[in-house]
C-alpha atoms as a PDB file:
ATOM      1  CA  MET A   1      19.014   2.245   6.176  1.00  0.00           C
ATOM      2  CA  SER A   2      20.999   5.349   7.053  1.00  0.00           C
ATOM      3  CA  GLU A   3      21.931   6.232  10.626  1.00  0.00           C
ATOM      4  CA  ASP A   4      19.838   9.434  10.489  1.00  0.00           C
ATOM      5  CA  VAL A   5      16.707   7.489   9.616  1.00  0.00           C
ATOM      6  CA  LYS A   6      17.401   4.935  12.372  1.00  0.00           C
ATOM      7  CA  LYS A   7      17.844   7.740  14.912  1.00  0.00           C
ATOM      8  CA  SER A   8      14.683   9.516  13.787  1.00  0.00           C
ATOM      9  CA  GLN A   9      12.728   6.256  13.979  1.00  0.00           C
ATOM     10  CA  LYS A  10      13.925   5.717  17.540  1.00  0.00           C
ATOM     11  CA  GLN A  11      13.168   9.308  18.508  1.00  0.00           C
ATOM     12  CA  ARG A  12       9.702   9.362  16.978  1.00  0.00           C
ATOM     13  CA  GLY A  13       8.765   5.800  17.787  1.00  0.00           C
ATOM     14  CA  MET A  14       7.482   3.459  15.135  1.00  0.00           C
ATOM     15  CA  LYS A  15       5.259   1.121  17.142  1.00  0.00           C
ATOM     16  CA  TRP A  16       2.048   2.153  15.352  1.00  0.00           C
ATOM     17  CA  TYR A  17       3.748   1.892  11.940  1.00  0.00           C
ATOM     18  CA  ASN A  18       5.080  -1.560  12.828  1.00  0.00           C
ATOM     19  CA  PHE A  19       1.637  -2.646  14.015  1.00  0.00           C
ATOM     20  CA  ILE A  20       0.081  -1.428  10.751  1.00  0.00           C
ATOM     21  CA  VAL A  21       2.498  -3.223   8.415  1.00  0.00           C
ATOM     22  CA  LYS A  22       3.150  -6.353  10.493  1.00  0.00           C
ATOM     23  CA  ILE A  23      -0.294  -7.083  11.928  1.00  0.00           C
ATOM     24  CA  GLN A  24      -3.173  -4.775  10.967  1.00  0.00           C
ATOM     25  CA  LEU A  25      -2.896  -4.933   7.182  1.00  0.00           C
ATOM     26  CA  TRP A  26      -2.440  -8.734   7.243  1.00  0.00           C
ATOM     27  CA  LEU A  27      -5.592  -9.042   9.357  1.00  0.00           C
ATOM     28  CA  ILE A  28      -7.431  -6.757   6.935  1.00  0.00           C
ATOM     29  CA  ILE A  29      -6.296  -8.893   3.989  1.00  0.00           C
ATOM     30  CA  ILE A  30      -7.486 -12.082   5.699  1.00  0.00           C
ATOM     31  CA  ALA A  31     -10.794 -10.506   6.788  1.00  0.00           C
ATOM     32  CA  PHE A  32     -11.648  -9.147   3.347  1.00  0.00           C
ATOM     33  CA  PHE A  33     -10.684 -12.409   1.698  1.00  0.00           C
ATOM     34  CA  ALA A  34     -13.038 -14.194   4.122  1.00  0.00           C
ATOM     35  CA  TYR A  35     -15.799 -11.614   3.492  1.00  0.00           C
ATOM     36  CA  ALA A  36     -15.398 -12.134  -0.232  1.00  0.00           C
ATOM     37  CA  LEU A  37     -15.807 -15.886   0.108  1.00  0.00           C
ATOM     38  CA  LEU A  38     -18.811 -15.505   2.407  1.00  0.00           C
ATOM     39  CA  PHE A  39     -20.617 -13.076   0.136  1.00  0.00           C
ATOM     40  CA  LEU A  40     -19.789 -14.848  -3.123  1.00  0.00           C
ATOM     41  CA  THR A  41     -21.028 -18.173  -1.765  1.00  0.00           C
ATOM     42  CA  GLY A  42     -24.005 -16.815   0.208  1.00  0.00           C
ATOM     43  CA  GLN A  43     -22.656 -18.294   3.437  1.00  0.00           C
ATOM     44  CA  MET A  44     -23.246 -15.101   5.441  1.00  0.00           C
ATOM     45  CA  TYR A  45     -26.859 -16.298   5.686  1.00  0.00           C
ATOM     46  CA  ASP A  46     -25.641 -19.311   7.715  1.00  0.00           C
ATOM     47  CA  ASP A  47     -26.622 -22.027   5.231  1.00  0.00           C
ATOM     48  CA  ALA A  48     -27.532 -22.574   1.585  1.00  0.00           C
ATOM     49  CA  GLU A  49     -31.229 -23.009   2.383  1.00  0.00           C
ATOM     50  CA  THR A  50     -31.496 -19.602   4.080  1.00  0.00           C
ATOM     51  CA  ALA A  51     -29.506 -17.969   1.277  1.00  0.00           C
ATOM     52  CA  ALA A  52     -31.856 -19.502  -1.319  1.00  0.00           C
ATOM     53  CA  LYS A  53     -34.885 -18.149   0.572  1.00  0.00           C
ATOM     54  CA  VAL A  54     -33.361 -14.658   0.771  1.00  0.00           C
ATOM     55  CA  TYR A  55     -32.536 -14.707  -2.936  1.00  0.00           C
ATOM     56  CA  ILE A  56     -36.071 -15.856  -3.815  1.00  0.00           C
ATOM     57  CA  ILE A  57     -37.695 -13.137  -1.699  1.00  0.00           C
ATOM     58  CA  VAL A  58     -35.265 -10.389  -2.774  1.00  0.00           C
ATOM     59  CA  PRO A  59     -33.585 -11.435  -6.051  1.00  0.00           C
ATOM     60  CA  ALA A  60     -31.492  -8.249  -6.233  1.00  0.00           C
ATOM     61  CA  MET A  61     -29.649  -9.294  -3.055  1.00  0.00           C
ATOM     62  CA  LYS A  62     -27.763 -11.959  -4.993  1.00  0.00           C
ATOM     63  CA  THR A  63     -26.310  -9.247  -7.247  1.00  0.00           C
ATOM     64  CA  VAL A  64     -25.530  -7.039  -4.250  1.00  0.00           C
ATOM     65  CA  ASP A  65     -23.804  -9.939  -2.463  1.00  0.00           C
ATOM     66  CA  ILE A  66     -21.733 -10.817  -5.526  1.00  0.00           C
ATOM     67  CA  LEU A  67     -20.679  -7.187  -5.999  1.00  0.00           C
ATOM     68  CA  TYR A  68     -19.834  -6.895  -2.302  1.00  0.00           C
ATOM     69  CA  GLY A  69     -17.762 -10.079  -2.580  1.00  0.00           C
ATOM     70  CA  ILE A  70     -15.855  -8.744  -5.600  1.00  0.00           C
ATOM     71  CA  ILE A  71     -15.260  -5.417  -3.851  1.00  0.00           C
ATOM     72  CA  SER A  72     -14.035  -7.338  -0.796  1.00  0.00           C
ATOM     73  CA  PHE A  73     -11.446  -9.127  -2.960  1.00  0.00           C
ATOM     74  CA  ALA A  74     -10.387  -5.735  -4.333  1.00  0.00           C
ATOM     75  CA  CYS A  75     -10.028  -4.368  -0.783  1.00  0.00           C
ATOM     76  CA  ALA A  76      -7.815  -7.311   0.162  1.00  0.00           C
ATOM     77  CA  ALA A  77      -5.631  -6.617  -2.882  1.00  0.00           C
ATOM     78  CA  CYS A  78      -5.469  -2.884  -2.046  1.00  0.00           C
ATOM     79  CA  ALA A  79      -4.421  -3.678   1.514  1.00  0.00           C
ATOM     80  CA  PHE A  80      -1.603  -5.852   0.174  1.00  0.00           C
ATOM     81  CA  VAL A  81      -0.407  -3.102  -2.192  1.00  0.00           C
ATOM     82  CA  ILE A  82      -0.585  -0.421   0.504  1.00  0.00           C
ATOM     83  CA  ARG A  83       1.332  -2.647   2.918  1.00  0.00           C
ATOM     84  CA  LYS A  84       4.066  -3.028   0.333  1.00  0.00           C
ATOM     85  CA  GLN A  85       4.127   0.746  -0.263  1.00  0.00           C
ATOM     86  CA  LEU A  86       4.444   1.430   3.467  1.00  0.00           C
ATOM     87  CA  LEU A  87       7.216  -1.136   3.840  1.00  0.00           C
ATOM     88  CA  ASN A  88       9.127   0.553   0.997  1.00  0.00           C
ATOM     89  CA  TYR A  89       8.518   4.010   2.488  1.00  0.00           C
ATOM     90  CA  GLU A  90       7.004   5.214  -0.787  1.00  0.00           C
ATOM     91  CA  LYS A  91       6.054   8.865  -0.988  1.00  0.00           C
ATOM     92  CA  ASN A  92       2.245   8.655  -0.978  1.00  0.00           C
ATOM     93  CA  SER A  93       1.891   5.476   1.045  1.00  0.00           C
ATOM     94  CA  PRO A  94       0.712   7.185   4.264  1.00  0.00           C
ATOM     95  CA  ARG A  95      -1.952   9.091   2.313  1.00  0.00           C
ATOM     96  CA  ASN A  96      -3.034   5.879   0.563  1.00  0.00           C
ATOM     97  CA  TYR A  97      -3.230   4.078   3.903  1.00  0.00           C
ATOM     98  CA  ILE A  98      -5.315   6.856   5.491  1.00  0.00           C
ATOM     99  CA  ILE A  99      -7.750   6.940   2.571  1.00  0.00           C
ATOM    100  CA  PHE A 100      -7.992   3.142   2.521  1.00  0.00           C
ATOM    101  CA  SER A 101      -8.514   2.774   6.261  1.00  0.00           C
ATOM    102  CA  THR A 102     -11.190   5.471   6.213  1.00  0.00           C
ATOM    103  CA  CYS A 103     -12.973   3.764   3.307  1.00  0.00           C
ATOM    104  CA  ILE A 104     -13.016   0.334   4.936  1.00  0.00           C
ATOM    105  CA  ILE A 105     -14.561   1.786   8.079  1.00  0.00           C
ATOM    106  CA  LEU A 106     -17.376   3.176   5.935  1.00  0.00           C
ATOM    107  CA  PHE A 107     -17.524   0.069   3.702  1.00  0.00           C
ATOM    108  CA  PRO A 108     -20.391  -1.635   5.633  1.00  0.00           C
ATOM    109  CA  LEU A 109     -22.562   1.440   5.082  1.00  0.00           C
ATOM    110  CA  PHE A 110     -22.554   0.836   1.327  1.00  0.00           C
ATOM    111  CA  TYR A 111     -23.905  -2.669   1.877  1.00  0.00           C
ATOM    112  CA  ASP A 112     -26.595  -1.283   4.189  1.00  0.00           C
ATOM    113  CA  PHE A 113     -27.594   1.294   1.554  1.00  0.00           C
ATOM    114  CA  ALA A 114     -27.805  -1.461  -1.064  1.00  0.00           C
ATOM    115  CA  ILE A 115     -29.992  -3.565   1.238  1.00  0.00           C
ATOM    116  CA  SER A 116     -32.186  -0.526   1.792  1.00  0.00           C
ATOM    117  CA  ILE A 117     -32.627  -0.001  -1.928  1.00  0.00           C
ATOM    118  CA  CYS A 118     -33.336  -3.695  -2.603  1.00  0.00           C
ATOM    119  CA  THR A 119     -35.831  -4.147   0.226  1.00  0.00           C
ATOM    120  CA  ASN A 120     -37.469  -0.686   0.310  1.00  0.00           C
ATOM    121  CA  VAL A 121     -36.678  -0.499   4.030  1.00  0.00           C
ATOM    122  CA  SER A 122     -35.398   2.769   5.438  1.00  0.00           C
ATOM    123  CA  VAL A 123     -31.626   2.798   5.619  1.00  0.00           C
ATOM    124  CA  PHE A 124     -31.885   4.170   9.157  1.00  0.00           C
ATOM    125  CA  GLU A 125     -33.855   1.098  10.229  1.00  0.00           C
ATOM    126  CA  ILE A 126     -31.077  -1.104   8.860  1.00  0.00           C
ATOM    127  CA  ILE A 127     -28.133   0.887  10.180  1.00  0.00           C
ATOM    128  CA  GLY A 128     -29.568   1.969  13.514  1.00  0.00           C
ATOM    129  CA  SER A 129     -27.009   3.240  15.987  1.00  0.00           C
ATOM    130  CA  ASP A 130     -24.115   1.822  13.963  1.00  0.00           C
ATOM    131  CA  LEU A 131     -24.030   4.955  11.828  1.00  0.00           C
ATOM    132  CA  LEU A 132     -22.903   7.213  14.648  1.00  0.00           C
ATOM    133  CA  THR A 133     -20.326   4.678  15.837  1.00  0.00           C
ATOM    134  CA  LEU A 134     -18.905   4.268  12.335  1.00  0.00           C
ATOM    135  CA  LEU A 135     -18.715   8.012  11.741  1.00  0.00           C
ATOM    136  CA  ILE A 136     -16.946   8.616  15.059  1.00  0.00           C
ATOM    137  CA  ALA A 137     -14.489   5.784  14.342  1.00  0.00           C
ATOM    138  CA  CYS A 138     -13.887   7.151  10.855  1.00  0.00           C
ATOM    139  CA  ILE A 139     -13.194  10.691  12.099  1.00  0.00           C
ATOM    140  CA  LEU A 140     -10.903   9.510  14.923  1.00  0.00           C
ATOM    141  CA  ASN A 141      -9.033   7.204  12.548  1.00  0.00           C
ATOM    142  CA  LEU A 142      -8.588   9.998  10.049  1.00  0.00           C
ATOM    143  CA  ILE A 143      -7.347  12.518  12.628  1.00  0.00           C
ATOM    144  CA  CYS A 144      -5.011  10.167  14.521  1.00  0.00           C
ATOM    145  CA  ASN A 145      -3.387   8.646  11.434  1.00  0.00           C
ATOM    146  CA  THR A 146      -3.007  12.025   9.746  1.00  0.00           C
ATOM    147  CA  ILE A 147      -1.201  13.413  12.799  1.00  0.00           C
ATOM    148  CA  TYR A 148       0.926  10.271  13.195  1.00  0.00           C
ATOM    149  CA  PHE A 149       2.100  10.161   9.587  1.00  0.00           C
ATOM    150  CA  HIS A 150       2.468  13.927   9.304  1.00  0.00           C
ATOM    151  CA  LYS A 151       5.079  13.815  12.060  1.00  0.00           C
ATOM    152  CA  ARG A 152       6.941  11.127  10.097  1.00  0.00           C
ATOM    153  CA  ARG A 153       6.463  12.546   6.582  1.00  0.00           C
ATOM    154  CA  TYR A 154      10.216  12.995   6.094  1.00  0.00           C
ATOM    155  CA  MET A 155      10.602   9.202   6.101  1.00  0.00           C
ATOM    156  CA  PHE A 156       8.440   8.632   3.033  1.00  0.00           C
ATOM    157  CA  GLY A 157      10.254   9.774  -0.101  1.00  0.00           C
ATOM    158  CA  ALA A 158       9.740   9.412  -3.815  1.00  0.00           C
ATOM    159  CA  ALA A 159      10.214   5.932  -5.256  1.00  0.00           C
ATOM    160  CA  GLY A 160      10.995   4.445  -1.843  1.00  0.00           C
ATOM    161  CA  ILE A 161      13.994   6.669  -1.200  1.00  0.00           C
ATOM    162  CA  ARG A 162      14.025   7.939   2.345  1.00  0.00           C
ATOM    163  CA  TYR A 163      14.933  11.538   2.726  1.00  0.00           C
ATOM    164  CA  LYS A 164      15.185  14.120   5.448  1.00  0.00           C
ATOM    165  CA  GLU A 165      13.773  17.656   5.275  1.00  0.00           C
END
């Protein structure tokens, strides 16, 4: 790492970046891997008996749960790839991270919409007040990370090469 990049990192501060690559993305990988296992096995319903009852009453939920489990595995893989991109200071890695983090905040809404479709229950009855909380979190996440990475855009060059404007 060049001296200029080290100085700029010290001046700008990299605590949030370090948290993202050293802690946050690993926790996201573990969480989505766990979600995938829970949804693929039906264990989010506490036990096999409850899962069987749910699947008998609403057969489409089994398909929804399997799809959600597969998508959860894909999210874990994406988090791993994005972590690697950020560690290598690749050009579009901040943008990829911002898009990914925004999507995973909204991810539970897709499951709620699927439940709504399968059960013919209003999506607003399922989501309740969570919708507003998720939207606020999504907007704050988007704004804060965009500002943070915009100030450090000179650090993320093409093909992992750090450059200075």
